[in-house]
């Protein structure tokens, strides 16, 4: 990615995160959908935004879309997915999702809350 595009992705991802943390998932999704380039941080911000705002189905649908686009999840994204699985009571799906990330990265990362 060019430096200009990296900056645009960074700013747009910040907007997705801000809107989601303020409970406005509709605006967050609007920014997300309007982004021509997305990185794993962008996907994770939107997935976690849905999960944190009580929209676990939307979080899982977006995660599955991310998988179809061959984007590898990081530990932050998996935390959002696990939260969504918890709300849905989807134990098997949660176990599958947790297997998609390197266990050492996940267990050693303070943001995952799994130390």
Protein backbone atom coordinates (compact mmCIF):
# COMPACT_ATOMS: atom_id res chain seq x y z
CA UNK A 1 0.00 0.00 0.00
CA UNK A 2 1.14 3.54 -0.71
CA UNK A 3 1.78 5.86 2.24
CA UNK A 4 -1.25 7.99 1.29
CA UNK A 5 -3.48 4.92 1.30
CA UNK A 6 -2.04 3.78 4.64
CA UNK A 7 -2.98 7.13 6.16
CA UNK A 8 -6.48 6.90 4.70
CA UNK A 9 -6.92 3.38 6.10
CA UNK A 10 -5.64 4.55 9.50
CA UNK A 11 -8.01 7.54 9.63
CA UNK A 12 -11.02 5.58 8.34
CA UNK A 13 -10.35 2.75 10.80
CA UNK A 14 -10.21 5.31 13.61
CA UNK A 15 -13.63 6.56 12.53
CA UNK A 16 -15.03 3.01 12.44
CA UNK A 17 -13.67 2.44 15.95
CA UNK A 18 -14.97 5.77 17.27
CA UNK A 19 -18.47 5.33 15.88
CA UNK A 20 -18.64 1.75 17.16
CA UNK A 21 -17.44 2.71 20.64
CA UNK A 22 -20.07 5.46 20.73
CA UNK A 23 -22.74 2.87 19.89
CA UNK A 24 -23.36 4.09 16.35
CA UNK A 25 -22.75 0.88 14.43
CA UNK A 26 -24.72 2.15 11.44
CA UNK A 27 -22.25 5.00 10.82
CA UNK A 28 -19.34 2.69 11.61
CA UNK A 29 -20.54 0.25 8.98
CA UNK A 30 -21.06 3.08 6.50
CA UNK A 31 -17.42 4.13 6.86
CA UNK A 32 -16.30 0.48 6.75
CA UNK A 33 -18.25 -0.28 3.58
CA UNK A 34 -16.96 2.89 1.91
CA UNK A 35 -13.31 1.95 2.41
CA UNK A 36 -11.63 0.75 -0.80
CA UNK A 37 -8.81 -0.82 1.26
CA UNK A 38 -9.17 -2.51 4.65
CA UNK A 39 -6.58 -4.10 6.89
CA UNK A 40 -7.06 -6.57 9.74
CA UNK A 41 -7.34 -3.69 12.22
CA UNK A 42 -10.29 -2.31 10.25
CA UNK A 43 -12.05 -5.67 10.18
CA UNK A 44 -11.37 -6.17 13.88
CA UNK A 45 -12.70 -2.73 14.82
CA UNK A 46 -15.99 -3.39 13.03
CA UNK A 47 -16.35 -6.94 14.36
CA UNK A 48 -15.61 -5.84 17.92
CA UNK A 49 -17.95 -2.88 17.50
CA UNK A 50 -20.80 -5.19 16.63
CA UNK A 51 -19.94 -7.59 19.45
CA UNK A 52 -19.68 -4.82 22.06
CA UNK A 53 -22.96 -3.26 20.99
CA UNK A 54 -25.01 -6.44 21.36
CA UNK A 55 -25.05 -7.37 17.67
CA UNK A 56 -23.38 -10.80 17.71
CA UNK A 57 -24.97 -12.04 14.48
CA UNK A 58 -23.67 -9.04 12.58
CA UNK A 59 -20.22 -9.64 14.12
CA UNK A 60 -20.25 -13.27 13.01
CA UNK A 61 -21.55 -12.45 9.53
CA UNK A 62 -18.76 -9.92 9.07
CA UNK A 63 -16.18 -12.38 10.40
CA UNK A 64 -17.35 -14.99 7.90
CA UNK A 65 -17.16 -12.39 5.12
CA UNK A 66 -13.60 -11.62 6.26
CA UNK A 67 -12.79 -15.33 6.02
CA UNK A 68 -14.22 -15.52 2.49
CA UNK A 69 -11.93 -12.63 1.53
CA UNK A 70 -8.93 -14.60 2.89
CA UNK A 71 -8.07 -12.08 5.61
CA UNK A 72 -6.25 -13.83 8.46
CA UNK A 73 -7.64 -12.87 11.87
CA UNK A 74 -5.43 -11.51 14.60
CA UNK A 75 -5.95 -11.97 18.32
CA UNK A 76 -8.01 -8.75 18.61
CA UNK A 77 -10.46 -9.91 15.97
CA UNK A 78 -10.76 -13.32 17.61
CA UNK A 79 -11.63 -11.65 20.93
CA UNK A 80 -14.55 -9.91 19.20
CA UNK A 81 -15.63 -13.17 17.60
CA UNK A 82 -15.43 -15.04 20.91
CA UNK A 83 -17.54 -12.34 22.54
CA UNK A 84 -20.14 -12.74 19.77
CA UNK A 85 -20.05 -16.54 20.14
CA UNK A 86 -20.64 -16.17 23.88
CA UNK A 87 -23.73 -14.03 23.32
CA UNK A 88 -25.00 -16.50 20.73
CA UNK A 89 -24.22 -19.56 22.85
CA UNK A 90 -22.17 -20.90 19.93
CA UNK A 91 -19.51 -22.96 21.72
CA UNK A 92 -18.37 -24.99 18.71
CA UNK A 93 -18.06 -21.90 16.54
CA UNK A 94 -16.04 -20.20 19.28
CA UNK A 95 -13.70 -23.18 19.53
CA UNK A 96 -13.21 -23.13 15.76
CA UNK A 97 -12.53 -19.37 15.75
CA UNK A 98 -10.00 -19.60 18.56
CA UNK A 99 -8.05 -22.14 16.51
CA UNK A 100 -7.53 -19.60 13.71
CA UNK A 101 -4.96 -17.55 15.60
CA UNK A 102 -1.53 -18.54 16.87
CA UNK A 103 -2.03 -19.65 20.48
CA UNK A 104 1.24 -18.09 21.64
CA UNK A 105 0.28 -14.69 20.19
CA UNK A 106 -3.17 -14.94 21.73
CA UNK A 107 -2.10 -16.08 25.21
CA UNK A 108 0.80 -13.64 25.51
CA UNK A 109 -1.13 -10.59 24.37
CA UNK A 110 -2.47 -8.45 27.24
CA UNK A 111 -5.34 -7.10 25.07
CA UNK A 112 -6.83 -10.54 24.67
CA UNK A 113 -7.31 -10.74 28.44
CA UNK A 114 -6.11 -14.32 28.50
CA UNK A 115 -2.82 -14.05 30.41
